[in-house]
Amino acid sequence: MRTLPLASLLAPALFAGACSSTPSDPYLVASDLPRDTSPSVPAADLATLVADNTAFAIDLYHQVRGEPGNLFMSPHSISTALAMTYAGAAGSTADEMAATLRFTLPEERLHAALNALDLALASRAEAASGDTIPFRLRTANSIWGQEGATFLDPFLDTLAVNYGAGLRVLDFAADPEAARGTINGWVEDQTNDKIRELLPEDSIKRDTRLVLTNAIYFSAAWAEPFDASDTRDETFQTAGGAIQTPTLHGSPEAGYAAGDGWRAVELPYDGGQLGMTIIVPEDLAAFEASLDAAALAAITSALTPHVVTLALPKFEFDAPLSLAATLQELGMPTAFTEAADFSRIDGTRSLAISDVLHKGFVSIDEQGTEAAAATGVIIGPTSTPPLAELAVDRPFVFLIRDRPTGATLFLGRVVDPR
């Protein structure tokens, strides 16, 4: 029996914008069930989900850190898109996916917890003033199915209720390039045009039957923006030697911590709900090799309010990743083979994942962050916070996290800010 490919595609981007359908959207087939906008999810389930997703994020980082250059990805986006795919998996395929993705909640509670987290993230703009850059954090999910194919109602119901996703009908068989263009256009729309050509040429085939996409877009001002007149070139040490690069300067009130071989600062965004944590190790390779979920939690929990004299390089880059081999190496090979069982999608054993494509974009400047990827306002003590100084002048690891839940939305590395 020939296996038809199921492509699972991810589109994270840092920045948030209004996301709307375009007149060229294909026909939408949706479950009759509305999205559950008030899921009853115990706090323990949400905490378990965040811990599981963080463990997967670190696993993934270890697999891709050998890639040269800068890295940037959205573990939240990747987990969400693969959870949508997991909703259609069965047997050993589902078991391998759950183990690889570090899912420990029973499936029904897993999807509900992901829904609750997504809705919580969507509410983060309420605490932001938006005086300089409008605060936007938006995730969007969609399923793209082959015209004439049959998809099971329980699968469509799960995605509608928990992810707000409907199925858009395309004719991959007749015109795969046109279908690719339509999906890429949707991703561009959801990410304020920051993620372009998520699906490269020839990634969609005539025998493609299903594509699942998740896009995340984030844009926010720093709680304390930097003064552009203070930006000047500073030295940054790369593996190839010292370079000069435009560098932000300021003295914001921020979380600061120092440990054995590392220093870290967390810059809050407008509203205090999200923050960028920047970890500057003395030895990047050694730090990356030892990084695990416990070490990351120890760093973020050690952050305390300081007035930080900070020098931070400006940077902007995108980072495409093909995760098929990575996910197989992490423990879910069956999903990519003819032995795959996604029978809960269409009632057959004819579907398998062909690739998992991920692309991230991030940009920081004096005003804030744009990227395509909770309520925890830093309240300092009544006395003046202690002083600290940090020059980010060597390769560093950074993440953007939701402070109330601890969810890691984006994770990256800068070895060359140019």
Protein backbone atom coordinates (compact mmCIF):
# COMPACT_ATOMS: atom_id res chain seq x y z
CA MET A 1 0.00 0.00 0.00
CA ARG A 2 1.43 3.39 -0.99
CA THR A 3 1.58 5.93 1.81
CA LEU A 4 0.29 9.42 1.11
CA PRO A 5 2.27 12.22 2.77
CA LEU A 6 0.86 14.41 5.47
CA ALA A 7 2.89 17.59 5.80
CA SER A 8 2.91 19.26 9.20
CA LEU A 9 4.11 22.83 8.86
CA LEU A 10 4.90 25.48 11.42
CA ALA A 11 5.19 29.25 11.04
CA PRO A 12 6.37 31.12 14.11
CA ALA A 13 7.16 34.88 13.98
CA LEU A 14 7.86 37.49 16.68
CA PHE A 15 5.40 40.36 16.34
CA ALA A 16 1.69 40.52 16.57
CA GLY A 17 -0.76 41.97 14.13
CA ALA A 18 -4.34 41.81 13.05
CA CYS A 19 -4.91 38.52 11.28
CA SER A 20 -7.80 38.28 8.89
CA SER A 21 -8.98 36.16 6.04
CA THR A 22 -8.40 37.33 2.52
CA PRO A 23 -10.86 37.14 -0.37
CA SER A 24 -8.69 34.44 -1.93
CA ASP A 25 -9.16 32.06 1.00
CA PRO A 26 -10.24 28.61 -0.19
CA TYR A 27 -13.51 27.01 0.82
CA LEU A 28 -13.70 26.35 4.56
CA VAL A 29 -15.02 23.08 5.94
CA ALA A 30 -15.53 23.42 9.68
CA SER A 31 -16.93 21.36 12.50
CA ASP A 32 -20.34 22.46 13.72
CA LEU A 33 -18.82 22.81 17.19
CA PRO A 34 -17.55 26.25 18.27
CA ARG A 35 -14.24 26.78 19.99
CA ASP A 36 -14.39 26.38 23.76
CA THR A 37 -13.40 29.87 24.90
CA SER A 38 -13.76 29.08 28.61
CA PRO A 39 -12.14 25.67 29.07
CA SER A 40 -12.23 24.26 32.59
CA VAL A 41 -8.57 23.35 33.04
CA PRO A 42 -7.05 22.73 36.49
CA ALA A 43 -4.00 24.85 37.28
CA ALA A 44 -2.05 21.63 37.75
CA ASP A 45 -2.77 20.59 34.16
CA LEU A 46 -1.59 23.93 32.81
CA ALA A 47 1.59 23.69 34.90
CA THR A 48 2.19 20.15 33.64
CA LEU A 49 1.74 21.24 30.04
CA VAL A 50 4.20 24.12 30.43
CA ALA A 51 6.77 21.84 32.09
CA ASP A 52 6.34 19.22 29.36
CA ASN A 53 6.66 21.80 26.60
CA THR A 54 9.78 23.25 28.22
CA ALA A 55 11.37 19.80 28.38
CA PHE A 56 10.59 19.29 24.69
CA ALA A 57 11.98 22.74 23.87
CA ILE A 58 15.30 21.84 25.50
CA ASP A 59 15.37 18.45 23.75
CA LEU A 60 14.80 20.21 20.44
CA TYR A 61 17.44 22.84 21.16
CA HIS A 62 20.03 20.14 21.85
CA GLN A 63 19.21 18.50 18.52
CA VAL A 64 19.57 21.67 16.44
CA ARG A 65 22.33 23.53 18.34
CA GLY A 66 24.94 21.90 16.12
CA GLU A 67 23.63 23.97 13.20
CA PRO A 68 26.01 26.82 12.40
CA GLY A 69 25.13 30.44 13.07
CA ASN A 70 22.18 32.03 14.81
CA LEU A 71 19.17 29.95 15.84
CA PHE A 72 15.58 30.95 16.47
CA MET A 73 12.45 28.85 16.90
CA SER A 74 9.12 28.79 18.66
CA PRO A 75 8.78 25.63 20.76
CA HIS A 76 5.19 26.70 21.49
CA SER A 77 4.36 26.80 17.80
CA ILE A 78 6.04 23.47 17.11
CA SER A 79 4.30 21.75 20.02
CA THR A 80 0.92 23.15 18.98
CA ALA A 81 1.16 22.07 15.35
CA LEU A 82 2.35 18.60 16.33
CA ALA A 83 -0.40 18.33 18.97
CA MET A 84 -2.92 18.97 16.19
CA THR A 85 -1.32 16.13 14.23
CA TYR A 86 -1.22 13.94 17.34
CA ALA A 87 -5.01 14.29 17.54
CA GLY A 88 -5.19 12.02 14.50
CA ALA A 89 -2.53 9.50 15.52
CA ALA A 90 -3.13 6.02 16.90
CA GLY A 91 -1.19 3.01 18.16
CA SER A 92 2.59 3.12 18.27
CA THR A 93 2.57 6.29 16.15
CA ALA A 94 0.70 8.12 18.90
CA ASP A 95 2.85 6.56 21.63
CA GLU A 96 6.08 7.69 19.96
CA MET A 97 4.73 11.19 19.37
CA ALA A 98 3.62 11.58 22.98
CA ALA A 99 6.99 10.42 24.31
CA THR A 100 8.98 12.64 21.92
CA LEU A 101 6.85 15.72 22.55
CA ARG A 102 7.00 15.02 26.30
CA PHE A 103 3.19 14.94 26.53
CA THR A 104 2.21 13.40 29.88
CA LEU A 105 -1.40 14.57 30.16
CA PRO A 106 -4.15 12.26 28.88
CA GLU A 107 -5.03 13.36 25.36
CA GLU A 108 -8.37 15.01 26.10
CA ARG A 109 -6.83 17.06 28.92
CA LEU A 110 -3.79 17.85 26.77
CA HIS A 111 -5.83 19.53 24.03
CA ALA A 112 -7.91 21.41 26.60
CA ALA A 113 -4.75 22.64 28.35
CA LEU A 114 -3.25 23.82 25.06
CA ASN A 115 -6.50 25.68 24.38
CA ALA A 116 -6.39 27.32 27.81
CA LEU A 117 -2.77 28.37 27.33
CA ASP A 118 -3.47 29.81 23.88
CA LEU A 119 -6.44 31.79 25.20
CA ALA A 120 -4.39 33.06 28.15
CA LEU A 121 -1.68 34.26 25.78
CA ALA A 122 -4.29 36.01 23.65
CA SER A 123 -5.35 38.04 26.70
CA ARG A 124 -1.88 39.41 27.45
CA ALA A 125 -2.42 42.61 25.47
CA GLU A 126 -5.01 43.78 28.02
CA ALA A 127 -2.30 44.91 30.46
CA ALA A 128 -0.21 46.74 27.86
CA SER A 129 -0.47 50.46 27.14
CA GLY A 130 0.60 50.20 23.51
CA ASP A 131 1.85 53.79 23.61
CA THR A 132 4.81 53.20 21.28
CA ILE A 133 4.30 49.81 19.63
CA PRO A 134 0.89 48.12 19.87
CA PHE A 135 1.19 44.91 21.90
CA ARG A 136 0.19 41.98 19.74
CA LEU A 137 0.45 38.28 20.47
CA ARG A 138 -1.56 36.12 18.15
CA THR A 139 -1.54 32.43 17.31
CA ALA A 140 -3.47 31.01 14.38
CA ASN A 141 -4.06 27.44 13.30
CA SER A 142 -5.36 25.99 10.08
CA ILE A 143 -5.77 22.65 8.33
CA TRP A 144 -5.51 22.29 4.57
CA GLY A 145 -7.11 19.19 3.05
CA GLN A 146 -7.32 17.65 -0.40
CA GLU A 147 -10.50 18.41 -2.29
CA GLY A 148 -12.73 15.33 -2.29
CA ALA A 149 -10.94 13.59 0.60
CA THR A 150 -12.90 12.46 3.65
CA PHE A 151 -11.87 13.50 7.14
CA LEU A 152 -13.42 12.12 10.31
CA ASP A 153 -15.74 14.30 12.38
CA PRO A 154 -14.07 13.56 15.76
CA PHE A 155 -10.73 14.80 14.38
CA LEU A 156 -12.30 17.98 13.01
CA ASP A 157 -14.23 18.46 16.27
CA THR A 158 -11.06 18.23 18.38
CA LEU A 159 -9.30 20.84 16.29
CA ALA A 160 -12.30 23.16 16.18
CA VAL A 161 -13.05 23.02 19.91
CA ASN A 162 -9.45 23.28 21.14
CA TYR A 163 -7.57 25.11 18.41
CA GLY A 164 -10.21 27.14 16.61
CA ALA A 165 -9.09 25.48 13.39
CA GLY A 166 -11.19 24.65 10.38
CA LEU A 167 -10.25 22.73 7.25
CA ARG A 168 -9.62 24.69 4.08
CA VAL A 169 -10.02 22.72 0.87
CA LEU A 170 -7.27 22.82 -1.77
CA ASP A 171 -6.56 20.68 -4.84
CA PHE A 172 -3.02 19.50 -4.21
CA ALA A 173 -3.40 16.82 -6.87
CA ALA A 174 -4.29 19.22 -9.68
CA ASP A 175 -1.94 22.11 -8.85
CA PRO A 176 0.46 21.62 -5.92
CA GLU A 177 2.28 24.90 -6.62
CA ALA A 178 -0.94 26.90 -6.47
CA ALA A 179 -1.80 25.17 -3.18
CA ARG A 180 1.66 25.98 -1.84
CA GLY A 181 1.20 29.62 -2.78
CA THR A 182 -2.16 29.78 -1.02
CA ILE A 183 -0.75 28.32 2.21
CA ASN A 184 2.31 30.57 2.09
CA GLY A 185 0.03 33.56 1.58
CA TRP A 186 -1.99 32.60 4.65
CA VAL A 187 1.18 32.31 6.73
CA GLU A 188 2.40 35.70 5.52
CA ASP A 189 -0.94 37.24 6.46
CA GLN A 190 -0.87 35.74 9.96
CA THR A 191 2.71 36.93 10.60
CA ASN A 192 2.51 40.47 9.24
CA ASP A 193 4.55 39.36 6.20
CA LYS A 194 7.51 38.38 8.39
CA ILE A 195 7.42 34.69 7.45
CA ARG A 196 7.67 34.35 3.69
CA GLU A 197 7.95 31.16 1.68
CA LEU A 198 7.51 28.85 4.65
CA LEU A 199 6.88 26.07 2.16
CA PRO A 200 9.78 26.01 -0.29
CA GLU A 201 9.41 25.02 -3.92
CA ASP A 202 8.48 21.34 -4.42
CA SER A 203 7.55 20.86 -0.75
CA ILE A 204 3.92 20.19 -1.73
CA LYS A 205 3.36 17.17 -3.97
CA ARG A 206 0.43 15.92 -6.00
CA ASP A 207 -0.13 13.15 -3.44
CA THR A 208 -0.15 15.52 -0.44
CA ARG A 209 -3.43 15.07 1.38
CA LEU A 210 -3.24 17.19 4.50
CA VAL A 211 -1.19 20.15 5.75
CA LEU A 212 -1.47 21.58 9.26
CA THR A 213 -0.13 25.07 9.95
CA ASN A 214 0.41 27.06 13.11
CA ALA A 215 1.56 30.67 13.05
CA ILE A 216 2.55 32.82 16.01
CA TYR A 217 3.20 36.54 15.78
CA PHE A 218 4.46 38.80 18.56
CA SER A 219 5.17 42.52 18.66
CA ALA A 220 5.68 44.64 21.74
CA ALA A 221 7.58 47.58 23.13
CA TRP A 222 10.03 47.23 25.96
CA ALA A 223 8.60 48.33 29.30
CA GLU A 224 11.47 50.85 29.27
CA PRO A 225 12.50 51.58 25.67
CA PHE A 226 16.10 52.45 24.89
CA ASP A 227 17.09 55.94 23.73
CA ALA A 228 18.15 55.78 20.06
CA SER A 229 20.66 58.57 20.63
CA ASP A 230 22.59 56.23 22.94
CA THR A 231 22.94 53.49 20.32
CA ARG A 232 26.52 53.15 19.11
CA ASP A 233 28.88 50.54 17.74
CA GLU A 234 30.48 48.24 20.29
CA THR A 235 32.73 45.19 20.10
CA PHE A 236 31.10 41.75 19.94
CA GLN A 237 33.23 38.61 20.11
CA THR A 238 32.27 36.03 17.47
CA ALA A 239 33.96 32.70 16.80
CA GLY A 240 35.74 34.36 13.89
CA GLY A 241 37.00 37.30 15.91
CA ALA A 242 35.85 40.67 17.18
CA ILE A 243 33.33 42.69 15.18
CA GLN A 244 31.74 46.11 15.59
CA THR A 245 27.94 46.10 15.79
CA PRO A 246 25.20 48.64 16.66
CA THR A 247 24.46 48.27 20.37
CA LEU A 248 21.62 49.54 22.56
CA HIS A 249 22.52 51.25 25.83
CA GLY A 250 20.31 51.93 28.81
CA SER A 251 19.71 51.39 32.51
CA PRO A 252 16.31 49.71 32.72
CA GLU A 253 14.84 48.11 35.80
CA ALA A 254 14.99 44.43 34.93
CA GLY A 255 15.46 40.99 36.39
CA TYR A 256 19.13 40.13 36.86
CA ALA A 257 21.01 37.06 38.08
CA ALA A 258 24.53 35.63 37.92
CA GLY A 259 25.69 32.07 38.41
CA ASP A 260 28.60 29.74 37.76
CA GLY A 261 29.80 30.74 34.31
CA TRP A 262 26.79 32.83 33.27
CA ARG A 263 24.95 36.09 33.78
CA ALA A 264 21.36 36.79 32.79
CA VAL A 265 18.95 39.68 32.42
CA GLU A 266 15.22 39.63 31.73
CA LEU A 267 13.76 42.68 30.00
CA PRO A 268 10.00 43.00 30.51
CA TYR A 269 7.74 44.07 27.68
CA ASP A 270 4.99 46.66 27.87
CA GLY A 271 2.42 45.39 30.38
CA GLY A 272 4.87 43.15 32.22
CA GLN A 273 3.27 39.92 31.02
CA LEU A 274 6.07 38.74 28.75
CA GLY A 275 9.82 39.14 29.01
CA MET A 276 12.98 38.43 27.03
CA THR A 277 15.55 36.52 29.06
CA ILE A 278 19.11 36.92 27.79
CA ILE A 279 21.70 34.48 29.14
CA VAL A 280 25.35 35.35 28.52
CA PRO A 281 27.63 32.38 29.28
CA GLU A 282 31.41 32.54 29.55
CA ASP A 283 31.62 29.42 27.36
CA LEU A 284 28.64 29.03 25.00
CA ALA A 285 29.36 25.43 23.97
CA ALA A 286 29.76 24.23 27.55
CA PHE A 287 26.63 26.09 28.64
CA GLU A 288 24.56 24.65 25.79
CA ALA A 289 25.78 21.12 26.54
CA SER A 290 24.70 21.39 30.19
CA LEU A 291 21.40 23.18 29.56
CA ASP A 292 18.30 21.32 30.69
CA ALA A 293 14.85 22.27 31.96
CA ALA A 294 16.02 22.34 35.58
CA ALA A 295 18.96 24.61 34.76
CA LEU A 296 16.71 26.97 32.81
CA ALA A 297 14.21 27.08 35.68
CA ALA A 298 17.03 27.80 38.13
CA ILE A 299 18.15 30.77 36.03
CA THR A 300 14.70 32.31 35.61
CA SER A 301 13.80 31.79 39.27
CA ALA A 302 17.05 33.49 40.35
CA LEU A 303 16.20 36.73 38.55
CA THR A 304 15.58 39.62 40.94
CA PRO A 305 14.85 43.31 40.27
CA HIS A 306 17.93 45.42 39.56
CA VAL A 307 18.72 48.62 37.74
CA VAL A 308 20.92 47.15 35.02
CA THR A 309 23.45 49.19 33.08
CA LEU A 310 23.00 47.24 29.87
CA ALA A 311 24.68 47.09 26.48
CA LEU A 312 22.70 44.87 24.08
CA PRO A 313 23.40 44.40 20.36
CA LYS A 314 20.60 45.04 17.90
CA PHE A 315 19.82 42.02 15.75
CA GLU A 316 17.42 40.77 13.12
CA PHE A 317 17.39 37.43 11.34
CA ASP A 318 15.19 34.58 10.21
CA ALA A 319 15.93 30.90 10.72
CA PRO A 320 14.35 28.11 8.64
CA LEU A 321 14.45 24.57 9.99
CA SER A 322 13.41 21.21 8.59
CA LEU A 323 12.58 19.11 11.64
CA ALA A 324 11.74 15.74 10.06
CA ALA A 325 15.11 14.13 10.78
CA THR A 326 15.32 15.85 14.16
CA LEU A 327 11.97 14.49 15.33
CA GLN A 328 12.81 11.00 14.11
CA GLU A 329 16.08 11.11 16.05
CA LEU A 330 14.20 12.28 19.13
CA GLY A 331 12.03 9.16 19.04
CA MET A 332 9.08 9.38 16.62
CA PRO A 333 10.29 7.68 13.42
CA THR A 334 7.10 5.73 12.68
CA ALA A 335 5.07 8.86 11.86
CA PHE A 336 7.31 9.41 8.82
CA THR A 337 7.06 5.87 7.39
CA GLU A 338 4.54 3.63 5.67
CA ALA A 339 3.87 2.07 9.08
CA ALA A 340 2.40 5.37 10.32
CA ASP A 341 -1.08 5.22 11.80
CA PHE A 342 -3.06 8.43 11.41
CA SER A 343 -6.30 6.53 11.03
CA ARG A 344 -8.11 8.91 13.37
CA ILE A 345 -7.79 11.57 10.66
CA ASP A 346 -9.46 9.81 7.74
CA GLY A 347 -10.17 6.25 8.85
CA THR A 348 -7.33 4.78 6.75
CA ARG A 349 -3.66 3.90 7.23
CA SER A 350 -2.60 5.84 4.12
CA LEU A 351 -1.22 9.01 5.74
CA ALA A 352 2.30 9.74 6.96
CA ILE A 353 4.18 12.93 7.77
CA SER A 354 6.49 13.98 4.95
CA ASP A 355 8.16 16.93 6.65
CA VAL A 356 7.84 19.37 9.52
CA LEU A 357 8.95 22.82 8.37
CA HIS A 358 9.55 25.65 10.80
CA LYS A 359 10.66 29.21 10.20
CA GLY A 360 11.19 31.96 12.73
CA PHE A 361 11.89 35.67 12.50
CA VAL A 362 13.12 37.97 15.25
CA SER A 363 14.12 41.61 15.39
CA ILE A 364 15.01 43.80 18.36
CA ASP A 365 15.72 47.51 18.42
CA GLU A 366 15.42 50.50 20.74
CA GLN A 367 11.62 50.31 20.86
CA GLY A 368 11.03 46.60 21.36
CA THR A 369 10.78 43.22 19.67
CA GLU A 370 9.16 41.87 16.56
CA ALA A 371 8.98 38.16 16.16
CA ALA A 372 6.86 35.42 14.84
CA ALA A 373 6.33 33.08 17.58
CA ALA A 374 1.20 36.25 31.32
CA THR A 375 0.48 38.38 33.80
CA GLY A 376 3.59 38.91 35.89
CA VAL A 377 4.40 42.57 36.30
CA ILE A 378 7.75 43.10 38.00
CA ILE A 379 7.10 44.96 41.21
CA GLY A 380 10.31 46.18 42.77
CA PRO A 381 10.87 46.59 46.49
CA THR A 382 9.97 49.88 48.07
CA SER A 383 13.66 50.72 48.38
CA THR A 384 15.87 51.41 45.35
CA PRO A 385 16.72 48.15 43.52
CA PRO A 386 20.39 47.11 43.57
CA LEU A 387 22.60 47.99 40.62
CA ALA A 388 24.07 45.60 38.07
CA GLU A 389 26.03 45.92 34.85
CA LEU A 390 25.97 43.61 31.83
CA ALA A 391 27.60 44.06 28.44
CA VAL A 392 26.22 41.46 26.03
CA ASP A 393 29.43 41.32 24.01
CA ARG A 394 29.70 37.62 23.23
CA PRO A 395 27.39 34.82 21.95
CA PHE A 396 24.26 34.39 24.03
CA VAL A 397 21.09 32.33 24.41
CA PHE A 398 17.75 34.11 24.65
CA LEU A 399 14.11 33.23 25.15
CA ILE A 400 10.80 35.05 25.19
CA ARG A 401 8.53 33.64 27.86
CA ASP A 402 5.10 34.19 29.30
CA ARG A 403 5.91 35.16 32.86
CA PRO A 404 2.69 34.10 34.65
CA THR A 405 2.74 30.55 33.24
CA GLY A 406 6.45 30.22 32.48
CA ALA A 407 5.66 29.09 28.93
CA THR A 408 8.60 29.41 26.54
CA LEU A 409 7.23 30.99 23.38
CA PHE A 410 10.54 31.49 21.58
CA LEU A 411 14.06 30.17 22.06
CA GLY A 412 17.18 31.19 20.21
CA ARG A 413 20.89 31.83 20.08
CA VAL A 414 22.88 34.76 18.69
CA VAL A 415 26.49 34.10 17.72
CA ASP A 416 26.72 36.99 15.26
CA PRO A 417 24.27 39.93 15.53
CA ARG A 418 25.12 41.31 12.08
